């Protein structure tokens, strides 16, 4: 089976001090044990990199800790999907719902 995961699940898993950390750990480790294929969108790696950097910038973790968290996240086995139709639909949905960014409608 394939599951589609949001970057926030991975971030909660890696950062450890997030409110849903334990649940994220259960999900990711369960998917790994069950050999589930984890699908993520094309921007997944850029998104987790940006959030980990922000966590470092605001002082929650050191640069070195952030780098270790990011390395752990980037090593998790995921299948990245690049879908132009999804991007076109997101663009149209942003217009239909008067959203400033198409990213939020994907």
PDB file of N, CA and C in Angstrom:
ATOM      1  N   UNK A   1       0.833  -1.172   0.000  1.00  0.00           N
ATOM      2  CA  UNK A   1       0.000   0.000   0.000  1.00  0.00           C
ATOM      3  C   UNK A   1       0.885   1.246   0.000  1.00  0.00           C
ATOM      4  N   UNK A   2       0.349   2.329  -0.512  1.00  0.00           N
ATOM      5  CA  UNK A   2       1.060   3.605  -0.526  1.00  0.00           C
ATOM      6  C   UNK A   2       0.352   4.585   0.396  1.00  0.00           C
ATOM      7  N   UNK A   3       1.128   5.290   1.213  1.00  0.00           N
ATOM      8  CA  UNK A   3       0.587   6.356   2.046  1.00  0.00           C
ATOM      9  C   UNK A   3       1.213   7.668   1.601  1.00  0.00           C
ATOM     10  N   UNK A   4       0.438   8.725   1.647  1.00  0.00           N
ATOM     11  CA  UNK A   4       0.933  10.050   1.310  1.00  0.00           C
ATOM     12  C   UNK A   4       1.138  10.797   2.613  1.00  0.00           C
ATOM     13  N   UNK A   5       2.356  11.250   2.829  1.00  0.00           N
ATOM     14  CA  UNK A   5       2.707  11.869   4.103  1.00  0.00           C
ATOM     15  C   UNK A   5       2.981  13.357   3.943  1.00  0.00           C
ATOM     16  N   UNK A   6       2.520  14.107   4.918  1.00  0.00           N
ATOM     17  CA  UNK A   6       2.794  15.528   4.979  1.00  0.00           C
ATOM     18  C   UNK A   6       4.144  15.744   5.660  1.00  0.00           C
ATOM     19  N   UNK A   7       4.835  16.780   5.259  1.00  0.00           N
ATOM     20  CA  UNK A   7       6.144  17.074   5.839  1.00  0.00           C
ATOM     21  C   UNK A   7       6.075  17.284   7.349  1.00  0.00           C
ATOM     22  N   UNK A   8       4.947  17.768   7.850  1.00  0.00           N
ATOM     23  CA  UNK A   8       4.818  18.010   9.286  1.00  0.00           C
ATOM     24  C   UNK A   8       4.951  16.730  10.107  1.00  0.00           C
ATOM     25  N   UNK A   9       4.548  15.598   9.556  1.00  0.00           N
ATOM     26  CA  UNK A   9       4.707  14.328  10.264  1.00  0.00           C
ATOM     27  C   UNK A   9       6.195  14.034  10.448  1.00  0.00           C
ATOM     28  N   UNK A  10       6.961  14.235   9.399  1.00  0.00           N
ATOM     29  CA  UNK A  10       8.400  13.975   9.458  1.00  0.00           C
ATOM     30  C   UNK A  10       9.088  14.959  10.399  1.00  0.00           C
ATOM     31  N   UNK A  11       8.665  16.210  10.370  1.00  0.00           N
ATOM     32  CA  UNK A  11       9.278  17.222  11.225  1.00  0.00           C
ATOM     33  C   UNK A  11       8.993  16.939  12.692  1.00  0.00           C
ATOM     34  N   UNK A  12       7.762  16.571  13.017  1.00  0.00           N
ATOM     35  CA  UNK A  12       7.434  16.224  14.398  1.00  0.00           C
ATOM     36  C   UNK A  12       8.263  15.025  14.851  1.00  0.00           C
ATOM     37  N   UNK A  13       8.449  14.068  13.970  1.00  0.00           N
ATOM     38  CA  UNK A  13       9.251  12.872  14.256  1.00  0.00           C
ATOM     39  C   UNK A  13      10.694  13.251  14.578  1.00  0.00           C
ATOM     40  N   UNK A  14      11.276  14.106  13.773  1.00  0.00           N
ATOM     41  CA  UNK A  14      12.700  14.416  13.912  1.00  0.00           C
ATOM     42  C   UNK A  14      12.991  15.383  15.053  1.00  0.00           C
ATOM     43  N   UNK A  15      12.130  16.373  15.243  1.00  0.00           N
ATOM     44  CA  UNK A  15      12.449  17.422  16.210  1.00  0.00           C
ATOM     45  C   UNK A  15      12.269  16.990  17.658  1.00  0.00           C
ATOM     46  N   UNK A  16      11.381  16.078  17.913  1.00  0.00           N
ATOM     47  CA  UNK A  16      11.271  15.510  19.246  1.00  0.00           C
ATOM     48  C   UNK A  16      10.525  16.330  20.269  1.00  0.00           C
ATOM     49  N   UNK A  17      10.482  17.653  20.136  1.00  0.00           N
ATOM     50  CA  UNK A  17       9.782  18.467  21.133  1.00  0.00           C
ATOM     51  C   UNK A  17       8.428  18.960  20.625  1.00  0.00           C
ATOM     52  N   UNK A  18       7.993  18.439  19.501  1.00  0.00           N
ATOM     53  CA  UNK A  18       6.697  18.804  18.943  1.00  0.00           C
ATOM     54  C   UNK A  18       5.592  18.072  19.706  1.00  0.00           C
ATOM     55  N   UNK A  19       4.410  18.691  19.830  1.00  0.00           N
ATOM     56  CA  UNK A  19       3.315  18.041  20.575  1.00  0.00           C
ATOM     57  C   UNK A  19       2.927  16.658  20.021  1.00  0.00           C
ATOM     58  N   UNK A  20       3.037  16.462  18.732  1.00  0.00           N
ATOM     59  CA  UNK A  20       2.627  15.181  18.133  1.00  0.00           C
ATOM     60  C   UNK A  20       3.817  14.281  17.801  1.00  0.00           C
ATOM     61  N   UNK A  21       4.921  14.499  18.482  1.00  0.00           N
ATOM     62  CA  UNK A  21       6.136  13.723  18.210  1.00  0.00           C
ATOM     63  C   UNK A  21       5.905  12.226  18.362  1.00  0.00           C
ATOM     64  N   UNK A  22       5.315  11.814  19.463  1.00  0.00           N
ATOM     65  CA  UNK A  22       5.116  10.378  19.711  1.00  0.00           C
ATOM     66  C   UNK A  22       4.224   9.759  18.632  1.00  0.00           C
ATOM     67  N   UNK A  23       3.167  10.456  18.263  1.00  0.00           N
ATOM     68  CA  UNK A  23       2.255   9.943  17.215  1.00  0.00           C
ATOM     69  C   UNK A  23       2.982   9.862  15.876  1.00  0.00           C
ATOM     70  N   UNK A  24       3.785  10.869  15.558  1.00  0.00           N
ATOM     71  CA  UNK A  24       4.550  10.854  14.312  1.00  0.00           C
ATOM     72  C   UNK A  24       5.531   9.681  14.301  1.00  0.00           C
ATOM     73  N   UNK A  25       6.172   9.427  15.434  1.00  0.00           N
ATOM     74  CA  UNK A  25       7.091   8.292  15.528  1.00  0.00           C
ATOM     75  C   UNK A  25       6.349   6.985  15.284  1.00  0.00           C
ATOM     76  N   UNK A  26       5.176   6.837  15.896  1.00  0.00           N
ATOM     77  CA  UNK A  26       4.381   5.625  15.696  1.00  0.00           C
ATOM     78  C   UNK A  26       4.012   5.440  14.225  1.00  0.00           C
ATOM     79  N   UNK A  27       3.584   6.522  13.585  1.00  0.00           N
ATOM     80  CA  UNK A  27       3.201   6.438  12.167  1.00  0.00           C
ATOM     81  C   UNK A  27       4.375   6.030  11.287  1.00  0.00           C
ATOM     82  N   UNK A  28       5.472   6.757  11.393  1.00  0.00           N
ATOM     83  CA  UNK A  28       6.606   6.510  10.500  1.00  0.00           C
ATOM     84  C   UNK A  28       7.246   5.147  10.745  1.00  0.00           C
ATOM     85  N   UNK A  29       7.409   4.789  12.002  1.00  0.00           N
ATOM     86  CA  UNK A  29       8.000   3.481  12.292  1.00  0.00           C
ATOM     87  C   UNK A  29       7.052   2.356  11.891  1.00  0.00           C
ATOM     88  N   UNK A  30       5.757   2.562  12.072  1.00  0.00           N
ATOM     89  CA  UNK A  30       4.772   1.577  11.632  1.00  0.00           C
ATOM     90  C   UNK A  30       4.791   1.392  10.131  1.00  0.00           C
ATOM     91  N   UNK A  31       4.844   2.496   9.401  1.00  0.00           N
ATOM     92  CA  UNK A  31       4.912   2.401   7.934  1.00  0.00           C
ATOM     93  C   UNK A  31       6.184   1.682   7.504  1.00  0.00           C
ATOM     94  N   UNK A  32       7.276   1.986   8.187  1.00  0.00           N
ATOM     95  CA  UNK A  32       8.545   1.346   7.844  1.00  0.00           C
ATOM     96  C   UNK A  32       8.487  -0.165   8.107  1.00  0.00           C
ATOM     97  N   UNK A  33       7.966  -0.545   9.270  1.00  0.00           N
ATOM     98  CA  UNK A  33       7.858  -1.968   9.608  1.00  0.00           C
ATOM     99  C   UNK A  33       6.932  -2.715   8.644  1.00  0.00           C
ATOM    100  N   UNK A  34       5.863  -2.062   8.230  1.00  0.00           N
ATOM    101  CA  UNK A  34       4.894  -2.692   7.333  1.00  0.00           C
ATOM    102  C   UNK A  34       5.303  -2.581   5.861  1.00  0.00           C
ATOM    103  N   UNK A  35       6.455  -1.980   5.628  1.00  0.00           N
ATOM    104  CA  UNK A  35       6.984  -1.816   4.270  1.00  0.00           C
ATOM    105  C   UNK A  35       6.033  -1.024   3.362  1.00  0.00           C
ATOM    106  N   UNK A  36       5.388  -0.035   3.972  1.00  0.00           N
ATOM    107  CA  UNK A  36       4.509   0.837   3.198  1.00  0.00           C
ATOM    108  C   UNK A  36       5.363   1.743   2.319  1.00  0.00           C
ATOM    109  N   UNK A  37       4.890   2.016   1.123  1.00  0.00           N
ATOM    110  CA  UNK A  37       5.542   3.007   0.277  1.00  0.00           C
ATOM    111  C   UNK A  37       5.040   4.372   0.730  1.00  0.00           C
ATOM    112  N   UNK A  38       5.964   5.267   1.096  1.00  0.00           N
ATOM    113  CA  UNK A  38       5.602   6.604   1.554  1.00  0.00           C
ATOM    114  C   UNK A  38       5.827   7.579   0.398  1.00  0.00           C
ATOM    115  N   UNK A  39       4.739   8.205  -0.026  1.00  0.00           N
ATOM    116  CA  UNK A  39       4.788   9.144  -1.145  1.00  0.00           C
ATOM    117  C   UNK A  39       4.777  10.573  -0.620  1.00  0.00           C
ATOM    118  N   UNK A  40       5.577  11.428  -1.249  1.00  0.00           N
ATOM    119  CA  UNK A  40       5.633  12.839  -0.874  1.00  0.00           C
ATOM    120  C   UNK A  40       5.658  13.688  -2.148  1.00  0.00           C
ATOM    121  N   UNK A  41       5.215  14.954  -2.031  1.00  0.00           N
ATOM    122  CA  UNK A  41       5.261  15.829  -3.205  1.00  0.00           C
ATOM    123  C   UNK A  41       6.675  16.320  -3.491  1.00  0.00           C
ATOM    124  N   UNK A  42       6.846  16.879  -4.659  1.00  0.00           N
ATOM    125  CA  UNK A  42       8.159  17.331  -5.123  1.00  0.00           C
ATOM    126  C   UNK A  42       8.826  18.308  -4.153  1.00  0.00           C
ATOM    127  N   UNK A  43       8.081  19.178  -3.528  1.00  0.00           N
ATOM    128  CA  UNK A  43       8.662  20.194  -2.650  1.00  0.00           C
ATOM    129  C   UNK A  43       8.983  19.679  -1.249  1.00  0.00           C
ATOM    130  N   UNK A  44       8.752  18.413  -0.995  1.00  0.00           N
ATOM    131  CA  UNK A  44       8.945  17.847   0.340  1.00  0.00           C
ATOM    132  C   UNK A  44      10.323  18.150   0.909  1.00  0.00           C
ATOM    133  N   UNK A  45      11.374  17.856   0.182  1.00  0.00           N
ATOM    134  CA  UNK A  45      12.730  18.033   0.705  1.00  0.00           C
ATOM    135  C   UNK A  45      13.055  19.505   0.942  1.00  0.00           C
ATOM    136  N   UNK A  46      12.590  20.358   0.045  1.00  0.00           N
ATOM    137  CA  UNK A  46      12.810  21.798   0.245  1.00  0.00           C
ATOM    138  C   UNK A  46      12.036  22.291   1.460  1.00  0.00           C
ATOM    139  N   UNK A  47      10.836  21.775   1.665  1.00  0.00           N
ATOM    140  CA  UNK A  47      10.012  22.194   2.795  1.00  0.00           C
ATOM    141  C   UNK A  47      10.642  21.790   4.130  1.00  0.00           C
ATOM    142  N   UNK A  48      11.098  20.553   4.244  1.00  0.00           N
ATOM    143  CA  UNK A  48      11.692  20.135   5.514  1.00  0.00           C
ATOM    144  C   UNK A  48      13.010  20.867   5.765  1.00  0.00           C
ATOM    145  N   UNK A  49      13.758  21.146   4.710  1.00  0.00           N
ATOM    146  CA  UNK A  49      15.000  21.898   4.866  1.00  0.00           C
ATOM    147  C   UNK A  49      14.702  23.301   5.391  1.00  0.00           C
ATOM    148  N   UNK A  50      13.688  23.951   4.822  1.00  0.00           N
ATOM    149  CA  UNK A  50      13.322  25.305   5.246  1.00  0.00           C
ATOM    150  C   UNK A  50      12.867  25.326   6.703  1.00  0.00           C
ATOM    151  N   UNK A  51      12.068  24.361   7.106  1.00  0.00           N
ATOM    152  CA  UNK A  51      11.554  24.350   8.479  1.00  0.00           C
ATOM    153  C   UNK A  51      12.674  24.047   9.474  1.00  0.00           C
ATOM    154  N   UNK A  52      13.545  23.110   9.159  1.00  0.00           N
ATOM    155  CA  UNK A  52      14.656  22.814  10.068  1.00  0.00           C
ATOM    156  C   UNK A  52      15.545  24.049  10.210  1.00  0.00           C
ATOM    157  N   UNK A  53      15.792  24.739   9.127  1.00  0.00           N
ATOM    158  CA  UNK A  53      16.608  25.962   9.199  1.00  0.00           C
ATOM    159  C   UNK A  53      15.927  27.009  10.082  1.00  0.00           C
ATOM    160  N   UNK A  54      14.610  27.135   9.951  1.00  0.00           N
ATOM    161  CA  UNK A  54      13.877  28.105  10.769  1.00  0.00           C
ATOM    162  C   UNK A  54      13.979  27.746  12.253  1.00  0.00           C
ATOM    163  N   UNK A  55      13.895  26.450  12.564  1.00  0.00           N
ATOM    164  CA  UNK A  55      14.013  25.984  13.942  1.00  0.00           C
ATOM    165  C   UNK A  55      15.387  26.356  14.509  1.00  0.00           C
ATOM    166  N   UNK A  56      16.413  26.256  13.680  1.00  0.00           N
ATOM    167  CA  UNK A  56      17.762  26.667  14.097  1.00  0.00           C
ATOM    168  C   UNK A  56      17.800  28.181  14.285  1.00  0.00           C
ATOM    169  N   UNK A  57      17.261  28.907  13.344  1.00  0.00           N
ATOM    170  CA  UNK A  57      17.306  30.369  13.366  1.00  0.00           C
ATOM    171  C   UNK A  57      16.650  30.955  14.618  1.00  0.00           C
ATOM    172  N   UNK A  58      15.530  30.360  15.030  1.00  0.00           N
ATOM    173  CA  UNK A  58      14.835  30.888  16.217  1.00  0.00           C
ATOM    174  C   UNK A  58      15.420  30.343  17.523  1.00  0.00           C
ATOM    175  N   UNK A  59      16.437  29.500  17.431  1.00  0.00           N
ATOM    176  CA  UNK A  59      17.157  29.063  18.610  1.00  0.00           C
ATOM    177  C   UNK A  59      16.630  27.823  19.313  1.00  0.00           C
ATOM    178  N   UNK A  60      15.747  27.093  18.665  1.00  0.00           N
ATOM    179  CA  UNK A  60      15.238  25.867  19.307  1.00  0.00           C
ATOM    180  C   UNK A  60      16.290  24.772  19.348  1.00  0.00           C
ATOM    181  N   UNK A  61      17.124  24.714  18.320  1.00  0.00           N
ATOM    182  CA  UNK A  61      18.215  23.742  18.272  1.00  0.00           C
ATOM    183  C   UNK A  61      19.445  24.423  17.681  1.00  0.00           C
ATOM    184  N   UNK A  62      20.600  23.822  17.894  1.00  0.00           N
ATOM    185  CA  UNK A  62      21.841  24.364  17.330  1.00  0.00           C
ATOM    186  C   UNK A  62      21.936  24.011  15.841  1.00  0.00           C
ATOM    187  N   UNK A  63      22.882  24.659  15.182  1.00  0.00           N
ATOM    188  CA  UNK A  63      23.114  24.347  13.768  1.00  0.00           C
ATOM    189  C   UNK A  63      23.454  22.863  13.592  1.00  0.00           C
ATOM    190  N   UNK A  64      24.309  22.352  14.456  1.00  0.00           N
ATOM    191  CA  UNK A  64      24.721  20.950  14.351  1.00  0.00           C
ATOM    192  C   UNK A  64      23.539  20.006  14.573  1.00  0.00           C
ATOM    193  N   UNK A  65      22.703  20.308  15.579  1.00  0.00           N
ATOM    194  CA  UNK A  65      21.511  19.479  15.819  1.00  0.00           C
ATOM    195  C   UNK A  65      20.567  19.548  14.616  1.00  0.00           C
ATOM    196  N   UNK A  66      20.380  20.741  14.079  1.00  0.00           N
ATOM    197  CA  UNK A  66      19.522  20.903  12.906  1.00  0.00           C
ATOM    198  C   UNK A  66      20.035  20.095  11.731  1.00  0.00           C
ATOM    199  N   UNK A  67      21.348  20.100  11.544  1.00  0.00           N
ATOM    200  CA  UNK A  67      21.944  19.335  10.438  1.00  0.00           C
ATOM    201  C   UNK A  67      21.704  17.841  10.624  1.00  0.00           C
ATOM    202  N   UNK A  68      21.824  17.361  11.858  1.00  0.00           N
ATOM    203  CA  UNK A  68      21.564  15.936  12.133  1.00  0.00           C
ATOM    204  C   UNK A  68      20.085  15.600  11.891  1.00  0.00           C
ATOM    205  N   UNK A  69      19.198  16.477  12.345  1.00  0.00           N
ATOM    206  CA  UNK A  69      17.764  16.265  12.105  1.00  0.00           C
ATOM    207  C   UNK A  69      17.483  16.211  10.607  1.00  0.00           C
ATOM    208  N   UNK A  70      18.050  17.157   9.880  1.00  0.00           N
ATOM    209  CA  UNK A  70      17.817  17.208   8.438  1.00  0.00           C
ATOM    210  C   UNK A  70      18.369  15.966   7.749  1.00  0.00           C
ATOM    211  N   UNK A  71      19.552  15.528   8.136  1.00  0.00           N
ATOM    212  CA  UNK A  71      20.132  14.319   7.534  1.00  0.00           C
ATOM    213  C   UNK A  71      19.234  13.113   7.781  1.00  0.00           C
ATOM    214  N   UNK A  72      18.690  13.016   9.006  1.00  0.00           N
ATOM    215  CA  UNK A  72      17.787  11.905   9.333  1.00  0.00           C
ATOM    216  C   UNK A  72      16.532  11.960   8.460  1.00  0.00           C
ATOM    217  N   UNK A  73      15.989  13.154   8.295  1.00  0.00           N
ATOM    218  CA  UNK A  73      14.781  13.309   7.481  1.00  0.00           C
ATOM    219  C   UNK A  73      15.042  12.985   6.014  1.00  0.00           C
ATOM    220  N   UNK A  74      16.154  13.464   5.493  1.00  0.00           N
ATOM    221  CA  UNK A  74      16.467  13.227   4.082  1.00  0.00           C
ATOM    222  C   UNK A  74      16.772  11.756   3.794  1.00  0.00           C
ATOM    223  N   UNK A  75      17.189  11.016   4.816  1.00  0.00           N
ATOM    224  CA  UNK A  75      17.522   9.599   4.638  1.00  0.00           C
ATOM    225  C   UNK A  75      16.296   8.691   4.675  1.00  0.00           C
ATOM    226  N   UNK A  76      15.169   9.195   5.182  1.00  0.00           N
ATOM    227  CA  UNK A  76      13.982   8.350   5.282  1.00  0.00           C
ATOM    228  C   UNK A  76      13.530   7.959   3.878  1.00  0.00           C
ATOM    229  N   UNK A  77      13.247   6.668   3.642  1.00  0.00           N
ATOM    230  CA  UNK A  77      12.880   6.230   2.294  1.00  0.00           C
ATOM    231  C   UNK A  77      11.482   6.711   1.886  1.00  0.00           C
ATOM    232  N   UNK A  78      11.456   7.615   0.923  1.00  0.00           N
ATOM    233  CA  UNK A  78      10.200   8.132   0.383  1.00  0.00           C
ATOM    234  C   UNK A  78      10.251   8.084  -1.140  1.00  0.00           C
ATOM    235  N   UNK A  79       9.078   8.099  -1.747  1.00  0.00           N
ATOM    236  CA  UNK A  79       8.973   8.211  -3.194  1.00  0.00           C
ATOM    237  C   UNK A  79       8.451   9.612  -3.500  1.00  0.00           C
ATOM    238  N   UNK A  80       9.242  10.366  -4.243  1.00  0.00           N
ATOM    239  CA  UNK A  80       8.881  11.747  -4.569  1.00  0.00           C
ATOM    240  C   UNK A  80       8.107  11.759  -5.874  1.00  0.00           C
ATOM    241  N   UNK A  81       6.960  12.448  -5.843  1.00  0.00           N
ATOM    242  CA  UNK A  81       6.122  12.554  -7.037  1.00  0.00           C
ATOM    243  C   UNK A  81       6.144  13.976  -7.574  1.00  0.00           C
ATOM    244  N   UNK A  82       6.441  14.074  -8.843  1.00  0.00           N
ATOM    245  CA  UNK A  82       6.408  15.343  -9.566  1.00  0.00           C
ATOM    246  C   UNK A  82       5.204  15.264 -10.494  1.00  0.00           C
ATOM    247  N   UNK A  83       4.209  16.076 -10.246  1.00  0.00           N
ATOM    248  CA  UNK A  83       2.952  15.964 -10.971  1.00  0.00           C
ATOM    249  C   UNK A  83       2.517  17.330 -11.485  1.00  0.00           C
ATOM    250  N   UNK A  84       2.749  17.578 -12.767  1.00  0.00           N
ATOM    251  CA  UNK A  84       2.387  18.864 -13.353  1.00  0.00           C
ATOM    252  C   UNK A  84       0.888  19.118 -13.306  1.00  0.00           C
ATOM    253  N   UNK A  85       0.078  18.075 -13.458  1.00  0.00           N
ATOM    254  CA  UNK A  85      -1.375  18.261 -13.386  1.00  0.00           C
ATOM    255  C   UNK A  85      -1.791  18.742 -11.999  1.00  0.00           C
ATOM    256  N   UNK A  86      -1.161  18.204 -10.973  1.00  0.00           N
ATOM    257  CA  UNK A  86      -1.448  18.654  -9.614  1.00  0.00           C
ATOM    258  C   UNK A  86      -1.126  20.138  -9.465  1.00  0.00           C
ATOM    259  N   UNK A  87       0.003  20.560 -10.014  1.00  0.00           N
ATOM    260  CA  UNK A  87       0.391  21.966  -9.919  1.00  0.00           C
ATOM    261  C   UNK A  87      -0.586  22.870 -10.663  1.00  0.00           C
ATOM    262  N   UNK A  88      -1.046  22.434 -11.827  1.00  0.00           N
ATOM    263  CA  UNK A  88      -2.036  23.223 -12.580  1.00  0.00           C
ATOM    264  C   UNK A  88      -3.357  23.297 -11.824  1.00  0.00           C
ATOM    265  N   UNK A  89      -3.773  22.176 -11.241  1.00  0.00           N
ATOM    266  CA  UNK A  89      -4.999  22.183 -10.434  1.00  0.00           C
ATOM    267  C   UNK A  89      -4.848  23.097  -9.219  1.00  0.00           C
ATOM    268  N   UNK A  90      -3.707  23.062  -8.585  1.00  0.00           N
ATOM    269  CA  UNK A  90      -3.464  23.917  -7.418  1.00  0.00           C
ATOM    270  C   UNK A  90      -3.537  25.387  -7.806  1.00  0.00           C
ATOM    271  N   UNK A  91      -2.996  25.708  -8.957  1.00  0.00           N
ATOM    272  CA  UNK A  91      -3.045  27.084  -9.447  1.00  0.00           C
ATOM    273  C   UNK A  91      -4.492  27.533  -9.652  1.00  0.00           C
ATOM    274  N   UNK A  92      -5.290  26.673 -10.279  1.00  0.00           N
ATOM    275  CA  UNK A  92      -6.704  26.999 -10.518  1.00  0.00           C
ATOM    276  C   UNK A  92      -7.495  27.091  -9.209  1.00  0.00           C
ATOM    277  N   UNK A  93      -7.202  26.193  -8.258  1.00  0.00           N
ATOM    278  CA  UNK A  93      -7.890  26.241  -6.968  1.00  0.00           C
ATOM    279  C   UNK A  93      -7.539  27.516  -6.196  1.00  0.00           C
ATOM    280  N   UNK A  94      -6.299  27.946  -6.285  1.00  0.00           N
ATOM    281  CA  UNK A  94      -5.902  29.191  -5.619  1.00  0.00           C
ATOM    282  C   UNK A  94      -6.707  30.363  -6.179  1.00  0.00           C
ATOM    283  N   UNK A  95      -6.941  30.367  -7.464  1.00  0.00           N
ATOM    284  CA  UNK A  95      -7.772  31.416  -8.069  1.00  0.00           C
ATOM    285  C   UNK A  95      -9.219  31.281  -7.621  1.00  0.00           C
ATOM    286  N   UNK A  96      -9.741  30.071  -7.660  1.00  0.00           N
ATOM    287  CA  UNK A  96     -11.152  29.847  -7.313  1.00  0.00           C
ATOM    288  C   UNK A  96     -11.451  30.220  -5.863  1.00  0.00           C
ATOM    289  N   UNK A  97     -10.487  29.974  -4.968  1.00  0.00           N
ATOM    290  CA  UNK A  97     -10.703  30.259  -3.554  1.00  0.00           C
ATOM    291  C   UNK A  97      -9.990  31.535  -3.091  1.00  0.00           C
ATOM    292  N   UNK A  98      -9.521  32.317  -4.056  1.00  0.00           N
ATOM    293  CA  UNK A  98      -8.886  33.604  -3.784  1.00  0.00           C
ATOM    294  C   UNK A  98      -7.743  33.483  -2.777  1.00  0.00           C
ATOM    295  N   UNK A  99      -6.864  32.523  -3.015  1.00  0.00           N
ATOM    296  CA  UNK A  99      -5.711  32.292  -2.153  1.00  0.00           C
ATOM    297  C   UNK A  99      -4.490  32.975  -2.765  1.00  0.00           C
ATOM    298  N   UNK A 100      -3.592  33.517  -1.950  1.00  0.00           N
ATOM    299  CA  UNK A 100      -2.424  34.218  -2.496  1.00  0.00           C
ATOM    300  C   UNK A 100      -1.357  33.290  -3.077  1.00  0.00           C
ATOM    301  N   UNK A 101      -1.327  32.042  -2.590  1.00  0.00           N
ATOM    302  CA  UNK A 101      -0.290  31.097  -3.044  1.00  0.00           C
ATOM    303  C   UNK A 101      -0.933  29.791  -3.499  1.00  0.00           C
ATOM    304  N   UNK A 102      -0.465  29.294  -4.601  1.00  0.00           N
ATOM    305  CA  UNK A 102      -0.952  28.000  -5.083  1.00  0.00           C
ATOM    306  C   UNK A 102      -0.421  26.856  -4.223  1.00  0.00           C
ATOM    307  N   UNK A 103       0.701  27.070  -3.559  1.00  0.00           N
ATOM    308  CA  UNK A 103       1.303  26.038  -2.721  1.00  0.00           C
ATOM    309  C   UNK A 103       0.316  25.501  -1.698  1.00  0.00           C
ATOM    310  N   UNK A 104      -0.465  26.369  -1.109  1.00  0.00           N
ATOM    311  CA  UNK A 104      -1.389  25.972  -0.046  1.00  0.00           C
ATOM    312  C   UNK A 104      -2.591  25.162  -0.553  1.00  0.00           C
ATOM    313  N   UNK A 105      -2.793  25.086  -1.837  1.00  0.00           N
ATOM    314  CA  UNK A 105      -3.936  24.342  -2.377  1.00  0.00           C
ATOM    315  C   UNK A 105      -3.530  22.976  -2.932  1.00  0.00           C
ATOM    316  N   UNK A 106      -2.270  22.616  -2.807  1.00  0.00           N
ATOM    317  CA  UNK A 106      -1.819  21.323  -3.327  1.00  0.00           C
ATOM    318  C   UNK A 106      -2.211  20.206  -2.398  1.00  0.00           C
TER     319      UNK A 106
END
